[in-house]
Amino acid sequence: VIGLPATVQIDAENAEATLRAGLEALLPQAGALLGPLTTLLSAAFDRGAIAIEAGGSREDYEQGIAVLLDGLADHLRR
């Protein structure tokens, strides 16, 4: 079992870096919020994956993430 610091480092080097690059392309106006948004969305993806593994509807979680990202993009455009 690895600890939280190692988990954060592994995630930051892989999935989180990819997520950050995607968010930067989708939300160029995020500025200083890019880091916190990346961390928060990464956690949301993790929780969604856990819920799906426990029997939740993948389609529902995919729609939820789409709504979340659309809402962020709309908010940052204002």
N, C-alpha and C. Protein backbone atom coordinates (compact mmCIF):
# COMPACT_ATOMS: atom_id res chain seq x y z
N VAL A 1 0.85 -1.18 0.00
CA VAL A 1 0.00 0.00 0.00
C VAL A 1 0.90 1.24 0.00
N ILE A 2 0.58 2.16 -0.90
CA ILE A 2 1.35 3.40 -0.94
C ILE A 2 0.56 4.49 -0.24
N GLY A 3 1.27 5.48 0.24
CA GLY A 3 0.63 6.57 0.95
C GLY A 3 0.09 7.64 0.02
N LEU A 4 -0.58 8.61 0.62
CA LEU A 4 -1.19 9.69 -0.14
C LEU A 4 -0.16 10.49 -0.95
N PRO A 5 0.99 10.86 -0.39
CA PRO A 5 1.95 11.63 -1.20
C PRO A 5 2.38 10.89 -2.48
N ALA A 6 2.62 9.59 -2.37
CA ALA A 6 3.02 8.82 -3.55
C ALA A 6 1.87 8.72 -4.55
N THR A 7 0.66 8.56 -4.04
CA THR A 7 -0.51 8.50 -4.92
C THR A 7 -0.68 9.81 -5.67
N VAL A 8 -0.55 10.92 -4.97
CA VAL A 8 -0.68 12.24 -5.59
C VAL A 8 0.39 12.42 -6.66
N GLN A 9 1.62 12.01 -6.38
CA GLN A 9 2.71 12.16 -7.35
C GLN A 9 2.45 11.32 -8.60
N ILE A 10 2.05 10.08 -8.42
CA ILE A 10 1.77 9.21 -9.56
C ILE A 10 0.64 9.79 -10.40
N ASP A 11 -0.42 10.24 -9.74
CA ASP A 11 -1.55 10.81 -10.47
C ASP A 11 -1.14 12.09 -11.18
N ALA A 12 -0.36 12.93 -10.52
CA ALA A 12 0.07 14.20 -11.12
C ALA A 12 0.91 13.96 -12.37
N GLU A 13 1.71 12.92 -12.35
CA GLU A 13 2.59 12.63 -13.48
C GLU A 13 1.85 11.99 -14.65
N ASN A 14 0.68 11.48 -14.42
CA ASN A 14 -0.03 10.74 -15.45
C ASN A 14 -1.39 11.35 -15.75
N ALA A 15 -2.40 10.84 -15.10
CA ALA A 15 -3.78 11.24 -15.41
C ALA A 15 -4.02 12.72 -15.17
N GLU A 16 -3.51 13.24 -14.06
CA GLU A 16 -3.77 14.64 -13.75
C GLU A 16 -3.10 15.58 -14.76
N ALA A 17 -1.92 15.22 -15.24
CA ALA A 17 -1.25 16.05 -16.24
C ALA A 17 -2.06 16.07 -17.54
N THR A 18 -2.60 14.93 -17.92
CA THR A 18 -3.43 14.87 -19.12
C THR A 18 -4.71 15.66 -18.94
N LEU A 19 -5.33 15.53 -17.77
CA LEU A 19 -6.55 16.29 -17.47
C LEU A 19 -6.25 17.78 -17.49
N ARG A 20 -5.15 18.19 -16.90
CA ARG A 20 -4.79 19.61 -16.87
C ARG A 20 -4.62 20.15 -18.29
N ALA A 21 -3.95 19.40 -19.15
CA ALA A 21 -3.76 19.84 -20.53
C ALA A 21 -5.10 19.97 -21.25
N GLY A 22 -5.99 19.03 -21.02
CA GLY A 22 -7.32 19.11 -21.64
C GLY A 22 -8.12 20.29 -21.12
N LEU A 23 -8.06 20.53 -19.81
CA LEU A 23 -8.77 21.67 -19.24
C LEU A 23 -8.19 22.99 -19.73
N GLU A 24 -6.88 23.03 -19.88
CA GLU A 24 -6.24 24.25 -20.38
C GLU A 24 -6.72 24.57 -21.80
N ALA A 25 -6.91 23.53 -22.61
CA ALA A 25 -7.42 23.73 -23.97
C ALA A 25 -8.90 24.12 -23.96
N LEU A 26 -9.68 23.49 -23.08
CA LEU A 26 -11.12 23.75 -23.00
C LEU A 26 -11.43 25.08 -22.31
N LEU A 27 -10.63 25.40 -21.30
CA LEU A 27 -10.90 26.57 -20.46
C LEU A 27 -9.70 27.51 -20.42
N PRO A 28 -9.31 28.10 -21.54
CA PRO A 28 -8.11 28.94 -21.54
C PRO A 28 -8.22 30.14 -20.61
N GLN A 29 -9.44 30.53 -20.27
CA GLN A 29 -9.64 31.68 -19.40
C GLN A 29 -9.59 31.30 -17.92
N ALA A 30 -9.28 30.06 -17.58
CA ALA A 30 -9.27 29.62 -16.18
C ALA A 30 -8.16 30.28 -15.37
N GLY A 31 -7.04 30.60 -16.01
CA GLY A 31 -5.96 31.28 -15.31
C GLY A 31 -5.49 30.55 -14.07
N ALA A 32 -5.46 31.28 -12.95
CA ALA A 32 -4.97 30.72 -11.69
C ALA A 32 -5.87 29.62 -11.14
N LEU A 33 -7.08 29.51 -11.67
CA LEU A 33 -8.00 28.46 -11.21
C LEU A 33 -7.72 27.11 -11.85
N LEU A 34 -6.83 27.06 -12.83
CA LEU A 34 -6.57 25.81 -13.55
C LEU A 34 -6.10 24.70 -12.61
N GLY A 35 -5.20 25.00 -11.71
CA GLY A 35 -4.70 24.00 -10.77
C GLY A 35 -5.79 23.46 -9.86
N PRO A 36 -6.51 24.35 -9.15
CA PRO A 36 -7.59 23.86 -8.30
C PRO A 36 -8.68 23.12 -9.08
N LEU A 37 -9.04 23.61 -10.25
CA LEU A 37 -10.06 22.93 -11.05
C LEU A 37 -9.59 21.54 -11.46
N THR A 38 -8.32 21.41 -11.81
CA THR A 38 -7.77 20.11 -12.18
C THR A 38 -7.87 19.14 -11.01
N THR A 39 -7.47 19.59 -9.84
CA THR A 39 -7.52 18.74 -8.65
C THR A 39 -8.95 18.32 -8.33
N LEU A 40 -9.87 19.28 -8.37
CA LEU A 40 -11.27 18.99 -8.04
C LEU A 40 -11.90 18.04 -9.06
N LEU A 41 -11.66 18.27 -10.34
CA LEU A 41 -12.23 17.40 -11.36
C LEU A 41 -11.60 16.00 -11.32
N SER A 42 -10.32 15.94 -11.01
CA SER A 42 -9.67 14.64 -10.88
C SER A 42 -10.34 13.83 -9.77
N ALA A 43 -10.63 14.49 -8.66
CA ALA A 43 -11.32 13.81 -7.56
C ALA A 43 -12.72 13.38 -7.98
N ALA A 44 -13.39 14.23 -8.75
CA ALA A 44 -14.73 13.87 -9.23
C ALA A 44 -14.68 12.64 -10.13
N PHE A 45 -13.68 12.57 -11.00
CA PHE A 45 -13.52 11.39 -11.86
C PHE A 45 -13.26 10.15 -11.02
N ASP A 46 -12.40 10.29 -10.00
CA ASP A 46 -12.11 9.15 -9.12
C ASP A 46 -13.37 8.65 -8.43
N ARG A 47 -14.14 9.57 -7.87
CA ARG A 47 -15.37 9.18 -7.17
C ARG A 47 -16.38 8.57 -8.15
N GLY A 48 -16.46 9.11 -9.34
CA GLY A 48 -17.35 8.54 -10.35
C GLY A 48 -16.96 7.12 -10.70
N ALA A 49 -15.66 6.89 -10.86
CA ALA A 49 -15.18 5.54 -11.18
C ALA A 49 -15.51 4.56 -10.06
N ILE A 50 -15.37 5.01 -8.82
CA ILE A 50 -15.71 4.15 -7.68
C ILE A 50 -17.20 3.83 -7.69
N ALA A 51 -18.02 4.85 -7.95
CA ALA A 51 -19.47 4.64 -7.98
C ALA A 51 -19.88 3.70 -9.11
N ILE A 52 -19.25 3.84 -10.26
CA ILE A 52 -19.56 2.95 -11.39
C ILE A 52 -19.16 1.52 -11.05
N GLU A 53 -17.99 1.36 -10.45
CA GLU A 53 -17.54 0.03 -10.04
C GLU A 53 -18.51 -0.61 -9.05
N ALA A 54 -19.15 0.23 -8.24
CA ALA A 54 -20.11 -0.27 -7.25
C ALA A 54 -21.50 -0.49 -7.84
N GLY A 55 -21.65 -0.28 -9.15
CA GLY A 55 -22.92 -0.57 -9.80
C GLY A 55 -23.65 0.62 -10.37
N GLY A 56 -23.07 1.81 -10.23
CA GLY A 56 -23.70 3.01 -10.78
C GLY A 56 -23.70 2.99 -12.30
N SER A 57 -24.56 3.78 -12.87
CA SER A 57 -24.68 3.86 -14.33
C SER A 57 -23.56 4.70 -14.93
N ARG A 58 -22.75 4.07 -15.76
CA ARG A 58 -21.66 4.79 -16.42
C ARG A 58 -22.21 5.96 -17.23
N GLU A 59 -23.30 5.73 -17.93
CA GLU A 59 -23.89 6.78 -18.77
C GLU A 59 -24.30 7.99 -17.93
N ASP A 60 -24.87 7.74 -16.75
CA ASP A 60 -25.26 8.85 -15.87
C ASP A 60 -24.04 9.66 -15.43
N TYR A 61 -22.96 8.99 -15.10
CA TYR A 61 -21.76 9.70 -14.67
C TYR A 61 -21.10 10.44 -15.83
N GLU A 62 -21.14 9.85 -17.02
CA GLU A 62 -20.62 10.56 -18.20
C GLU A 62 -21.43 11.83 -18.46
N GLN A 63 -22.74 11.72 -18.35
CA GLN A 63 -23.59 12.91 -18.53
C GLN A 63 -23.33 13.94 -17.44
N GLY A 64 -23.14 13.48 -16.22
CA GLY A 64 -22.86 14.39 -15.12
C GLY A 64 -21.56 15.16 -15.32
N ILE A 65 -20.52 14.48 -15.78
CA ILE A 65 -19.24 15.14 -16.05
C ILE A 65 -19.41 16.15 -17.18
N ALA A 66 -20.16 15.78 -18.21
CA ALA A 66 -20.39 16.71 -19.33
C ALA A 66 -21.10 17.97 -18.85
N VAL A 67 -22.11 17.81 -18.01
CA VAL A 67 -22.83 18.97 -17.47
C VAL A 67 -21.89 19.83 -16.62
N LEU A 68 -21.07 19.18 -15.81
CA LEU A 68 -20.12 19.90 -14.97
C LEU A 68 -19.14 20.71 -15.81
N LEU A 69 -18.57 20.09 -16.84
CA LEU A 69 -17.62 20.80 -17.70
C LEU A 69 -18.28 21.91 -18.49
N ASP A 70 -19.48 21.66 -19.00
CA ASP A 70 -20.21 22.71 -19.72
C ASP A 70 -20.49 23.89 -18.81
N GLY A 71 -20.89 23.61 -17.58
CA GLY A 71 -21.16 24.67 -16.62
C GLY A 71 -19.92 25.48 -16.29
N LEU A 72 -18.79 24.81 -16.13
CA LEU A 72 -17.53 25.51 -15.89
C LEU A 72 -17.17 26.41 -17.06
N ALA A 73 -17.28 25.87 -18.25
CA ALA A 73 -16.94 26.65 -19.44
C ALA A 73 -17.85 27.87 -19.55
N ASP A 74 -19.15 27.68 -19.33
CA ASP A 74 -20.08 28.81 -19.38
C ASP A 74 -19.75 29.86 -18.33
N HIS A 75 -19.46 29.41 -17.12
CA HIS A 75 -19.15 30.34 -16.03
C HIS A 75 -17.89 31.16 -16.33
N LEU A 76 -16.87 30.50 -16.85
CA LEU A 76 -15.61 31.19 -17.11
C LEU A 76 -15.69 32.12 -18.31
N ARG A 77 -16.66 31.93 -19.17
CA ARG A 77 -16.83 32.81 -20.33
C ARG A 77 -17.48 34.14 -19.94
N ARG A 78 -18.11 34.19 -18.79
CA ARG A 78 -18.81 35.42 -18.36
C ARG A 78 -17.85 36.49 -17.96
